[in-house]
Amino acid sequence: MKPKILILFFASILLLSACGQKTLSEPVTLLNQDLDEVTFPQEKPTIFFFITSYT
């Protein structure tokens, strides 16, 4: 049963990624911990991480 679900999951991810846009139409702007705006470049691929803490 699990291999069927795994294959279905990967097939749906492949389908969703094929239907998406190749590039972003607008730059991505986020706020950092100091409430400064950070804009990610669109010219080259960028990896960013979210680190959250609940206290």
N, C-alpha and C. Protein backbone atom coordinates (compact mmCIF):
# COMPACT_ATOMS: atom_id res chain seq x y z
N MET A 1 0.81 -1.19 0.00
CA MET A 1 0.00 0.00 0.00
C MET A 1 0.86 1.26 0.00
N LYS A 2 1.93 1.28 0.76
CA LYS A 2 2.76 2.47 0.85
C LYS A 2 3.47 2.82 -0.46
N PRO A 3 3.97 1.85 -1.23
CA PRO A 3 4.60 2.23 -2.50
C PRO A 3 3.64 2.93 -3.46
N LYS A 4 2.38 2.54 -3.44
CA LYS A 4 1.39 3.18 -4.31
C LYS A 4 1.18 4.63 -3.90
N ILE A 5 1.11 4.87 -2.60
CA ILE A 5 0.92 6.25 -2.10
C ILE A 5 2.15 7.09 -2.42
N LEU A 6 3.33 6.51 -2.28
CA LEU A 6 4.57 7.24 -2.57
C LEU A 6 4.66 7.60 -4.05
N ILE A 7 4.32 6.69 -4.92
CA ILE A 7 4.34 6.96 -6.36
C ILE A 7 3.32 8.03 -6.71
N LEU A 8 2.13 7.97 -6.12
CA LEU A 8 1.10 8.98 -6.35
C LEU A 8 1.57 10.35 -5.85
N PHE A 9 2.23 10.39 -4.72
CA PHE A 9 2.75 11.64 -4.17
C PHE A 9 3.79 12.25 -5.11
N PHE A 10 4.74 11.48 -5.57
CA PHE A 10 5.78 12.00 -6.47
C PHE A 10 5.20 12.41 -7.82
N ALA A 11 4.21 11.68 -8.31
CA ALA A 11 3.57 12.04 -9.57
C ALA A 11 2.82 13.37 -9.44
N SER A 12 2.17 13.59 -8.31
CA SER A 12 1.46 14.86 -8.11
C SER A 12 2.44 16.01 -7.95
N ILE A 13 3.57 15.81 -7.30
CA ILE A 13 4.59 16.86 -7.18
C ILE A 13 5.15 17.20 -8.56
N LEU A 14 5.40 16.19 -9.37
CA LEU A 14 5.91 16.41 -10.72
C LEU A 14 4.89 17.19 -11.55
N LEU A 15 3.63 16.85 -11.45
CA LEU A 15 2.59 17.55 -12.19
C LEU A 15 2.46 19.01 -11.74
N LEU A 16 2.48 19.25 -10.44
CA LEU A 16 2.39 20.62 -9.93
C LEU A 16 3.60 21.46 -10.33
N SER A 17 4.77 20.88 -10.33
CA SER A 17 5.97 21.64 -10.71
C SER A 17 5.98 21.93 -12.21
N ALA A 18 5.39 21.07 -13.02
CA ALA A 18 5.34 21.31 -14.46
C ALA A 18 4.35 22.41 -14.81
N CYS A 19 3.34 22.62 -13.98
CA CYS A 19 2.32 23.64 -14.25
C CYS A 19 2.72 25.02 -13.73
N GLY A 20 3.79 25.13 -13.00
CA GLY A 20 4.18 26.40 -12.41
C GLY A 20 4.92 27.31 -13.38
N GLN A 21 5.14 28.54 -12.94
CA GLN A 21 5.87 29.51 -13.75
C GLN A 21 7.36 29.21 -13.68
N LYS A 22 8.06 29.58 -14.74
CA LYS A 22 9.51 29.37 -14.77
C LYS A 22 10.25 30.45 -13.99
N THR A 23 9.73 31.68 -14.02
CA THR A 23 10.36 32.78 -13.30
C THR A 23 9.29 33.52 -12.50
N LEU A 24 9.73 34.27 -11.52
CA LEU A 24 8.81 35.08 -10.72
C LEU A 24 8.51 36.37 -11.45
N SER A 25 7.27 36.83 -11.32
CA SER A 25 6.90 38.09 -11.96
C SER A 25 7.27 39.30 -11.10
N GLU A 26 7.40 39.09 -9.79
CA GLU A 26 7.75 40.17 -8.87
C GLU A 26 8.86 39.68 -7.95
N PRO A 27 9.70 40.59 -7.44
CA PRO A 27 10.73 40.16 -6.49
C PRO A 27 10.11 39.73 -5.16
N VAL A 28 10.78 38.80 -4.48
CA VAL A 28 10.31 38.31 -3.19
C VAL A 28 10.93 39.18 -2.11
N THR A 29 10.08 39.80 -1.29
CA THR A 29 10.55 40.65 -0.20
C THR A 29 10.00 40.12 1.11
N LEU A 30 10.89 39.88 2.07
CA LEU A 30 10.52 39.38 3.39
C LEU A 30 11.07 40.32 4.46
N LEU A 31 10.60 40.15 5.67
CA LEU A 31 11.11 40.92 6.80
C LEU A 31 12.01 40.02 7.64
N ASN A 32 13.16 40.55 8.05
CA ASN A 32 14.04 39.78 8.92
C ASN A 32 13.69 40.06 10.38
N GLN A 33 14.48 39.53 11.31
CA GLN A 33 14.17 39.66 12.73
C GLN A 33 14.25 41.09 13.23
N ASP A 34 14.94 41.98 12.51
CA ASP A 34 15.03 43.38 12.89
C ASP A 34 14.01 44.24 12.16
N LEU A 35 13.05 43.59 11.50
CA LEU A 35 11.99 44.23 10.72
C LEU A 35 12.54 45.04 9.55
N ASP A 36 13.68 44.62 9.02
CA ASP A 36 14.23 45.22 7.80
C ASP A 36 13.76 44.39 6.61
N GLU A 37 13.44 45.05 5.51
CA GLU A 37 13.02 44.34 4.31
C GLU A 37 14.23 43.73 3.61
N VAL A 38 14.11 42.49 3.22
CA VAL A 38 15.15 41.77 2.50
C VAL A 38 14.56 41.31 1.18
N THR A 39 15.16 41.73 0.06
CA THR A 39 14.68 41.35 -1.25
C THR A 39 15.64 40.33 -1.86
N PHE A 40 15.09 39.25 -2.39
CA PHE A 40 15.90 38.20 -2.99
C PHE A 40 16.09 38.48 -4.47
N PRO A 41 17.30 38.27 -4.97
CA PRO A 41 17.54 38.52 -6.39
C PRO A 41 16.82 37.51 -7.27
N GLN A 42 16.50 37.94 -8.50
CA GLN A 42 15.83 37.05 -9.44
C GLN A 42 16.77 36.57 -10.54
N GLU A 43 17.96 37.10 -10.61
CA GLU A 43 18.87 36.74 -11.70
C GLU A 43 19.41 35.32 -11.56
N LYS A 44 19.59 34.85 -10.33
CA LYS A 44 20.15 33.53 -10.12
C LYS A 44 19.36 32.82 -9.02
N PRO A 45 19.42 31.51 -8.97
CA PRO A 45 18.68 30.76 -7.94
C PRO A 45 19.15 31.12 -6.54
N THR A 46 18.22 31.19 -5.61
CA THR A 46 18.52 31.57 -4.24
C THR A 46 17.85 30.59 -3.30
N ILE A 47 18.58 30.19 -2.26
CA ILE A 47 18.03 29.32 -1.22
C ILE A 47 17.95 30.13 0.06
N PHE A 48 16.81 30.11 0.70
CA PHE A 48 16.69 30.78 1.98
C PHE A 48 15.99 29.85 2.97
N PHE A 49 16.33 30.02 4.24
CA PHE A 49 15.83 29.14 5.30
C PHE A 49 14.98 29.95 6.27
N PHE A 50 13.93 29.33 6.77
CA PHE A 50 13.14 29.91 7.84
C PHE A 50 13.48 29.19 9.11
N ILE A 51 13.89 29.92 10.11
CA ILE A 51 14.17 29.34 11.42
C ILE A 51 13.18 29.98 12.39
N THR A 52 12.36 29.19 12.99
CA THR A 52 11.37 29.71 13.93
C THR A 52 11.61 29.14 15.31
N SER A 53 11.20 29.88 16.29
CA SER A 53 11.29 29.39 17.67
C SER A 53 10.01 29.78 18.39
N TYR A 54 9.51 28.86 19.15
CA TYR A 54 8.32 29.12 19.95
C TYR A 54 8.74 29.10 21.41
N THR A 55 8.50 30.20 22.07
CA THR A 55 8.89 30.26 23.49
C THR A 55 7.70 30.56 24.35
